[in-house]
Amino acid sequence: MTEIMLCRSPVREKFLESQCGVDFNNIFGVNGNSRSSLSPFKPYIIGSGDTEGMCSASHQRVLSQIKPVSKELTNLSLSFGEENTQALAEMTENLNAFNHWCNGGFYQYLR
């Protein structure tokens, strides 16, 4: 599973490595790996970069999809915690799929 890092304030390299145990060279944003600090409310992927310091194309898509809602997602995650936020996302995805199914089924019923 892809690990995504969100922060609500700037995070410097030394703090990230000493407090979180995450190697700063393994953090990748939309435009590649960060050079000195992480910016608030921007999504980052932990690991899975290539030799040129860039994420894979699929990870770039994930980051670009999260970017517009990253502030709300950061605040939600800070309020409810990582596991509860993930459970909410899964539940929302299931409800959306169910809603599409219901709309399609109802439309077929009306025909």
Protein backbone atom coordinates (compact mmCIF):
# COMPACT_ATOMS: atom_id res chain seq x y z
CA MET A 1 0.00 0.00 0.00
CA THR A 2 1.23 3.49 -0.82
CA GLU A 3 2.03 5.63 2.20
CA ILE A 4 1.06 9.29 1.94
CA MET A 5 2.39 11.98 4.23
CA LEU A 6 0.45 15.16 4.97
CA CYS A 7 1.48 17.98 7.30
CA ARG A 8 -0.12 21.23 8.41
CA SER A 9 3.11 23.15 9.00
CA PRO A 10 6.53 23.15 7.32
CA VAL A 11 8.64 20.13 8.29
CA ARG A 12 12.43 20.33 8.10
CA GLU A 13 14.65 17.41 7.14
CA LYS A 14 16.31 16.97 10.56
CA PHE A 15 12.98 16.98 12.40
CA LEU A 16 11.47 14.39 10.07
CA GLU A 17 14.44 12.07 10.44
CA SER A 18 14.91 12.46 14.21
CA GLN A 19 11.25 12.52 15.32
CA CYS A 20 9.59 10.31 12.71
CA GLY A 21 12.45 8.06 11.63
CA VAL A 22 11.75 8.77 7.95
CA ASP A 23 14.63 9.30 5.56
CA PHE A 24 14.07 12.64 3.87
CA ASN A 25 15.45 11.28 0.59
CA ASN A 26 12.49 8.88 0.42
CA ILE A 27 9.84 11.64 0.40
CA PHE A 28 8.44 12.53 -3.03
CA GLY A 29 5.98 15.24 -3.98
CA VAL A 30 4.23 16.10 -7.21
CA ASN A 31 7.40 17.65 -8.64
CA GLY A 32 9.89 15.10 -7.32
CA ASN A 33 11.64 14.83 -3.98
CA SER A 34 11.75 17.81 -1.66
CA ARG A 35 15.08 19.53 -1.12
CA SER A 36 14.91 21.16 2.30
CA SER A 37 11.46 20.93 3.88
CA LEU A 38 7.92 19.67 3.40
CA SER A 39 5.28 22.29 2.65
CA PRO A 40 2.04 22.39 4.61
CA PHE A 41 -1.10 20.89 3.07
CA LYS A 42 0.73 19.28 0.14
CA PRO A 43 0.66 15.50 -0.27
CA TYR A 44 3.89 13.50 -0.33
CA ILE A 45 4.55 9.84 -0.99
CA ILE A 46 6.98 7.93 1.20
CA GLY A 47 9.39 5.79 -0.81
CA SER A 48 9.08 4.24 -4.27
CA GLY A 49 11.04 6.90 -6.12
CA ASP A 50 13.25 6.28 -9.09
CA THR A 51 16.91 7.15 -9.65
CA GLU A 52 16.02 10.63 -10.89
CA GLY A 53 14.16 11.51 -7.68
CA MET A 54 10.66 11.20 -9.15
CA CYS A 55 7.60 9.12 -8.27
CA SER A 56 6.16 6.54 -10.61
CA ALA A 57 3.39 7.69 -12.94
CA SER A 58 0.73 5.97 -10.83
CA HIS A 59 1.97 7.69 -7.68
CA GLN A 60 2.00 11.03 -9.52
CA ARG A 61 -1.69 10.45 -10.37
CA VAL A 62 -2.47 9.70 -6.72
CA LEU A 63 -0.74 12.89 -5.60
CA SER A 64 -2.47 15.01 -8.22
CA GLN A 65 -5.89 13.59 -7.21
CA ILE A 66 -5.26 14.28 -3.53
CA LYS A 67 -3.73 17.73 -3.99
CA PRO A 68 -7.04 19.69 -4.38
CA VAL A 69 -8.40 18.25 -1.12
CA SER A 70 -5.15 17.89 0.80
CA LYS A 71 -5.97 20.62 3.34
CA GLU A 72 -9.32 19.04 4.21
CA LEU A 73 -7.76 15.56 4.22
CA THR A 74 -4.97 16.74 6.54
CA ASN A 75 -7.45 18.28 8.98
CA LEU A 76 -9.69 15.21 8.81
CA SER A 77 -6.75 12.91 9.49
CA LEU A 78 -5.60 15.05 12.41
CA SER A 79 -9.12 15.05 13.87
CA PHE A 80 -10.02 11.37 13.43
CA GLY A 81 -6.66 9.64 13.14
CA GLU A 82 -5.12 7.68 10.30
CA GLU A 83 -7.11 4.47 10.65
CA ASN A 84 -10.48 6.18 11.02
CA THR A 85 -9.78 8.44 8.03
CA GLN A 86 -8.90 5.40 5.95
CA ALA A 87 -12.09 3.66 7.09
CA LEU A 88 -14.14 6.76 6.18
CA ALA A 89 -12.55 6.81 2.71
CA GLU A 90 -13.36 3.14 2.15
CA MET A 91 -16.91 3.61 3.38
CA THR A 92 -17.39 6.64 1.11
CA GLU A 93 -16.07 4.67 -1.87
CA ASN A 94 -18.47 1.80 -1.13
CA LEU A 95 -21.41 4.18 -0.73
CA ASN A 96 -20.58 5.87 -4.04
CA ALA A 97 -20.45 2.50 -5.78
CA PHE A 98 -23.75 1.51 -4.15
CA ASN A 99 -25.31 4.84 -5.16
CA HIS A 100 -24.28 4.33 -8.79
CA TRP A 101 -25.70 0.82 -8.69
CA CYS A 102 -28.98 2.06 -7.20
CA ASN A 103 -29.32 4.82 -9.78
CA GLY A 104 -28.67 2.38 -12.62
CA GLY A 105 -31.06 -0.19 -11.19
CA PHE A 106 -33.77 2.38 -10.62
CA TYR A 107 -33.36 3.69 -14.16
CA GLN A 108 -33.72 0.17 -15.54
CA TYR A 109 -36.84 -0.32 -13.38
CA LEU A 110 -38.45 2.82 -14.88
CA ARG A 111 -37.89 1.64 -18.46
